[in-house]
């Protein structure tokens, strides 16, 4: 499942657990480094960090 989908699935507890997992945090960091528009992906990383 895509990280951004889990971030917006607010009524889906397993999706939220997946989004806030440490593995997803590592994935988001990798995406920020490799994305063309890193600032947009960085917003997801910010949400992940503010749990």
N, C-alpha and C. Protein backbone atom coordinates (compact mmCIF):
# COMPACT_ATOMS: atom_id res chain seq x y z
N UNK A 1 0.85 -1.18 0.00
CA UNK A 1 0.00 0.00 0.00
C UNK A 1 0.89 1.24 0.00
N UNK A 2 0.41 2.28 -0.58
CA UNK A 2 1.18 3.52 -0.69
C UNK A 2 1.17 4.29 0.62
N UNK A 3 2.31 4.88 1.02
CA UNK A 3 2.39 5.58 2.30
C UNK A 3 1.37 6.70 2.44
N UNK A 4 1.11 7.42 1.36
CA UNK A 4 0.18 8.55 1.48
C UNK A 4 -1.24 8.07 1.65
N UNK A 5 -1.59 6.89 1.13
CA UNK A 5 -2.94 6.37 1.33
C UNK A 5 -3.15 6.04 2.80
N UNK A 6 -2.18 5.41 3.43
CA UNK A 6 -2.29 5.08 4.85
C UNK A 6 -2.39 6.34 5.71
N UNK A 7 -1.75 7.40 5.27
CA UNK A 7 -1.81 8.65 6.03
C UNK A 7 -3.21 9.26 6.04
N UNK A 8 -3.96 9.08 4.96
CA UNK A 8 -5.28 9.70 4.88
C UNK A 8 -6.41 8.75 5.29
N UNK A 9 -6.11 7.49 5.51
CA UNK A 9 -7.13 6.52 5.91
C UNK A 9 -7.36 6.62 7.41
N UNK A 10 -7.99 7.72 7.84
CA UNK A 10 -8.06 8.04 9.26
C UNK A 10 -8.94 7.08 10.06
N UNK A 11 -9.88 6.41 9.42
CA UNK A 11 -10.75 5.48 10.13
C UNK A 11 -10.25 4.05 10.05
N UNK A 12 -9.11 3.84 9.46
CA UNK A 12 -8.54 2.51 9.27
C UNK A 12 -7.34 2.35 10.20
N UNK A 13 -7.58 1.73 11.36
CA UNK A 13 -6.53 1.61 12.38
C UNK A 13 -5.31 0.85 11.85
N UNK A 14 -5.47 -0.27 11.15
CA UNK A 14 -4.27 -0.95 10.62
C UNK A 14 -3.48 -0.07 9.64
N UNK A 15 -4.17 0.71 8.82
CA UNK A 15 -3.48 1.61 7.88
C UNK A 15 -2.70 2.67 8.64
N UNK A 16 -3.27 3.20 9.70
CA UNK A 16 -2.57 4.19 10.51
C UNK A 16 -1.35 3.57 11.19
N UNK A 17 -1.51 2.34 11.67
CA UNK A 17 -0.37 1.63 12.29
C UNK A 17 0.75 1.43 11.27
N UNK A 18 0.38 1.07 10.04
CA UNK A 18 1.38 0.90 8.99
C UNK A 18 2.07 2.22 8.68
N UNK A 19 1.29 3.30 8.61
CA UNK A 19 1.87 4.61 8.28
C UNK A 19 2.88 5.03 9.34
N UNK A 20 2.56 4.82 10.60
CA UNK A 20 3.43 5.28 11.69
C UNK A 20 4.50 4.27 12.09
N UNK A 21 4.64 3.20 11.32
CA UNK A 21 5.68 2.21 11.63
C UNK A 21 7.06 2.78 11.32
N UNK A 22 8.07 2.24 11.98
CA UNK A 22 9.43 2.71 11.74
C UNK A 22 9.89 2.35 10.32
N UNK A 23 9.40 1.23 9.79
CA UNK A 23 9.75 0.86 8.41
C UNK A 23 9.23 1.91 7.43
N UNK A 24 8.03 2.42 7.67
CA UNK A 24 7.49 3.45 6.80
C UNK A 24 8.26 4.76 6.95
N UNK A 25 8.74 5.05 8.14
CA UNK A 25 9.57 6.23 8.34
C UNK A 25 10.84 6.16 7.50
N UNK A 26 11.46 4.97 7.47
CA UNK A 26 12.65 4.79 6.63
C UNK A 26 12.30 4.95 5.15
N UNK A 27 11.15 4.39 4.75
CA UNK A 27 10.71 4.52 3.36
C UNK A 27 10.48 5.99 3.00
N UNK A 28 9.84 6.73 3.88
CA UNK A 28 9.60 8.15 3.62
C UNK A 28 10.91 8.92 3.50
N UNK A 29 11.87 8.61 4.35
CA UNK A 29 13.19 9.25 4.24
C UNK A 29 13.83 8.96 2.88
N UNK A 30 13.74 7.71 2.44
CA UNK A 30 14.28 7.35 1.13
C UNK A 30 13.55 8.08 0.01
N UNK A 31 12.23 8.17 0.14
CA UNK A 31 11.45 8.87 -0.89
C UNK A 31 11.82 10.35 -0.96
N UNK A 32 12.04 10.97 0.18
CA UNK A 32 12.42 12.39 0.20
C UNK A 32 13.75 12.57 -0.55
N UNK A 33 14.68 11.65 -0.33
CA UNK A 33 15.99 11.77 -0.99
C UNK A 33 15.89 11.57 -2.50
N UNK A 34 14.96 10.72 -2.95
CA UNK A 34 14.91 10.33 -4.36
C UNK A 34 13.81 11.01 -5.16
N UNK A 35 12.94 11.74 -4.52
CA UNK A 35 11.79 12.32 -5.22
C UNK A 35 12.17 13.55 -6.02
N UNK A 36 11.47 13.74 -7.12
CA UNK A 36 11.66 14.97 -7.91
C UNK A 36 11.15 16.18 -7.15
N UNK A 37 10.03 16.00 -6.48
CA UNK A 37 9.45 17.09 -5.69
C UNK A 37 9.52 16.70 -4.21
N UNK A 38 10.73 16.71 -3.70
CA UNK A 38 11.00 16.25 -2.34
C UNK A 38 10.22 17.03 -1.30
N UNK A 39 9.93 18.30 -1.57
CA UNK A 39 9.20 19.10 -0.59
C UNK A 39 7.80 18.55 -0.33
N UNK A 40 7.18 17.95 -1.34
CA UNK A 40 5.85 17.38 -1.15
C UNK A 40 5.91 16.11 -0.31
N UNK A 41 6.90 15.28 -0.59
CA UNK A 41 7.07 14.05 0.20
C UNK A 41 7.48 14.40 1.62
N UNK A 42 8.23 15.47 1.78
CA UNK A 42 8.67 15.90 3.10
C UNK A 42 7.48 16.24 4.00
N UNK A 43 6.38 16.67 3.40
CA UNK A 43 5.18 16.94 4.21
C UNK A 43 4.66 15.66 4.85
N UNK A 44 4.70 14.55 4.12
CA UNK A 44 4.29 13.27 4.72
C UNK A 44 5.24 12.88 5.84
N UNK A 45 6.52 13.10 5.63
CA UNK A 45 7.50 12.79 6.67
C UNK A 45 7.25 13.65 7.90
N UNK A 46 6.86 14.89 7.70
CA UNK A 46 6.54 15.78 8.83
C UNK A 46 5.35 15.24 9.61
N UNK A 47 4.32 14.79 8.90
CA UNK A 47 3.15 14.19 9.57
C UNK A 47 3.59 12.96 10.35
N UNK A 48 4.43 12.13 9.73
CA UNK A 48 4.91 10.91 10.38
C UNK A 48 5.65 11.25 11.67
N UNK A 49 6.47 12.30 11.65
CA UNK A 49 7.25 12.68 12.83
C UNK A 49 6.39 13.30 13.93
N UNK A 50 5.27 13.89 13.59
CA UNK A 50 4.43 14.59 14.57
C UNK A 50 3.39 13.69 15.22
N UNK A 51 3.51 12.43 15.07
CA UNK A 51 2.53 11.51 15.64
C UNK A 51 2.21 11.81 17.04
